[in-house]
Structure formats: structure tokens, C-alpha cells
């Protein structure tokens, strides 16, 4: 029986960084893959946006921002599903800018 003055030994714990890395799609062919663990609504410069977090095979975390195309395609992906997102190219817009085109694939 333990008394009120007895102290418990602290449990040994292992800690892992939960912030993970952040991926920016900059070149055609850039890709990221892993199991979806979180979709978060955020605000960037006053605009609504989404941030996705994946758990890679090595158990590390990686996050990336959505886009209109990524958000639309990721809308069907459930937490736990394994996905790969790849920058396929850029399409010019009538306003002189460009829009990035992505492939979003789900493992079967």
C-alpha cells in the first residue's frame, strides 16, 4: 500500500515531433505521399485555405497547402487512406497567371 507522501517514479516516454515537414510543390514531378491524418481549414492572407497532413511510410509527418484542384480531389479521401499528390504542370490563365495542375491518387 502506498502512502500520501510516496512519490511515483516518472514513466519513461518517447516523444516525436508532431509538426512535421512542410512541402511546397515547385517543379513538375514534385510529389508527396502518405496516409491522410488531418485536413485543417486555415486562413492565409485573409483567404480561406486547407492544409493537409500525411504520415509517410517512415512514420514522419508532412504537410502541404491545398489548391482548388487538390481540395476538390481530396474531398473524397478519408483519414487513413494512402494518397499520392503530384504536380503535373501549369496551365496559363487568361489573366496572365498560371494554375498548377495536380494528380491525386489513392492506393487501392
Protein backbone atom coordinates (compact mmCIF):
# COMPACT_ATOMS: atom_id res chain seq x y z
CA UNK A 1 0.00 0.00 0.00
CA UNK A 2 1.33 3.45 -0.86
CA UNK A 3 1.04 6.43 1.41
CA UNK A 4 0.14 10.01 0.53
CA UNK A 5 3.80 11.04 0.70
CA UNK A 6 5.08 8.30 -1.60
CA UNK A 7 6.20 9.60 -4.99
CA UNK A 8 5.72 7.65 -8.18
CA UNK A 9 8.69 7.24 -10.49
CA UNK A 10 8.15 9.23 -13.72
CA UNK A 11 7.28 6.98 -16.62
CA UNK A 12 9.87 6.86 -19.39
CA UNK A 13 8.31 8.29 -22.54
CA UNK A 14 9.45 8.71 -26.10
CA UNK A 15 8.41 11.93 -27.81
CA UNK A 16 8.02 12.63 -31.50
CA UNK A 17 7.73 16.00 -33.21
CA UNK A 18 4.13 16.39 -34.42
CA UNK A 19 4.71 19.44 -36.58
CA UNK A 20 6.47 17.54 -39.37
CA UNK A 21 7.91 18.99 -42.55
CA UNK A 22 6.13 21.31 -44.96
CA UNK A 23 6.14 20.52 -48.69
CA UNK A 24 5.85 23.14 -51.43
CA UNK A 25 5.18 21.89 -54.95
CA UNK A 26 7.62 23.86 -57.08
CA UNK A 27 8.71 21.68 -60.02
CA UNK A 28 6.79 19.39 -62.34
CA UNK A 29 7.03 15.89 -60.91
CA UNK A 30 7.24 17.01 -57.26
CA UNK A 31 5.16 14.62 -55.22
CA UNK A 32 4.27 13.72 -51.67
CA UNK A 33 2.62 10.56 -50.39
CA UNK A 34 1.37 9.06 -47.17
CA UNK A 35 -1.72 8.24 -45.14
CA UNK A 36 -4.02 11.22 -44.59
CA UNK A 37 -4.11 12.09 -40.90
CA UNK A 38 -5.57 15.60 -40.91
CA UNK A 39 -7.36 18.17 -43.03
CA UNK A 40 -7.42 21.61 -41.46
CA UNK A 41 -9.21 24.79 -42.52
CA UNK A 42 -6.83 27.74 -42.23
CA UNK A 43 -6.64 31.39 -43.30
CA UNK A 44 -3.79 32.69 -45.47
CA UNK A 45 -3.61 36.45 -46.07
CA UNK A 46 -7.33 36.72 -45.28
CA UNK A 47 -8.36 33.87 -47.60
CA UNK A 48 -9.79 30.51 -46.58
CA UNK A 49 -7.49 27.59 -47.41
CA UNK A 50 -6.86 23.98 -46.45
CA UNK A 51 -3.76 22.34 -45.03
CA UNK A 52 -3.30 18.58 -45.30
CA UNK A 53 -1.08 16.40 -43.13
CA UNK A 54 0.15 12.96 -44.20
CA UNK A 55 2.01 10.24 -42.29
CA UNK A 56 4.76 8.86 -44.52
CA UNK A 57 5.96 5.25 -44.55
CA UNK A 58 8.88 6.16 -42.26
CA UNK A 59 6.26 7.43 -39.74
CA UNK A 60 7.27 11.08 -40.21
CA UNK A 61 4.66 13.75 -40.91
CA UNK A 62 4.48 16.09 -43.88
CA UNK A 63 2.04 18.94 -44.55
CA UNK A 64 1.08 20.90 -47.65
CA UNK A 65 -1.45 23.53 -48.66
CA UNK A 66 -4.36 22.68 -50.86
CA UNK A 67 -5.48 24.35 -54.07
CA UNK A 68 -8.85 24.43 -55.78
CA UNK A 69 -7.93 21.24 -57.65
CA UNK A 70 -6.31 19.45 -54.69
CA UNK A 71 -9.20 20.36 -52.37
CA UNK A 72 -11.76 19.09 -54.87
CA UNK A 73 -9.96 15.76 -55.36
CA UNK A 74 -9.05 15.31 -51.67
CA UNK A 75 -12.71 15.80 -50.72
CA UNK A 76 -13.25 12.08 -51.38
CA UNK A 77 -10.23 10.92 -49.34
CA UNK A 78 -10.88 9.65 -45.81
CA UNK A 79 -8.43 9.83 -42.90
CA UNK A 80 -6.20 6.77 -43.00
CA UNK A 81 -6.28 6.38 -46.78
CA UNK A 82 -2.89 6.38 -48.52
CA UNK A 83 -2.57 9.07 -51.18
CA UNK A 84 0.00 10.48 -53.59
CA UNK A 85 -0.19 14.07 -54.87
CA UNK A 86 1.99 15.01 -57.86
CA UNK A 87 2.48 18.36 -59.60
CA UNK A 88 1.76 17.59 -63.27
CA UNK A 89 2.31 21.04 -64.76
CA UNK A 90 0.97 24.58 -65.02
CA UNK A 91 -1.74 25.97 -67.26
CA UNK A 92 -1.74 29.69 -68.19
CA UNK A 93 -4.88 31.67 -67.34
CA UNK A 94 -6.48 34.43 -69.37
CA UNK A 95 -5.27 36.92 -66.74
CA UNK A 96 -1.62 36.12 -67.43
CA UNK A 97 -1.08 33.98 -64.34
CA UNK A 98 -0.78 30.21 -64.22
CA UNK A 99 -2.64 27.49 -62.34
CA UNK A 100 -0.85 24.38 -61.10
CA UNK A 101 -2.32 21.05 -62.22
CA UNK A 102 -2.14 18.07 -59.84
CA UNK A 103 -2.73 14.34 -59.90
CA UNK A 104 -4.25 12.96 -56.69
CA UNK A 105 -4.08 9.17 -56.46
CA UNK A 106 -5.47 6.87 -53.77
CA UNK A 107 -3.92 3.47 -53.04
CA UNK A 108 -6.23 0.53 -53.70
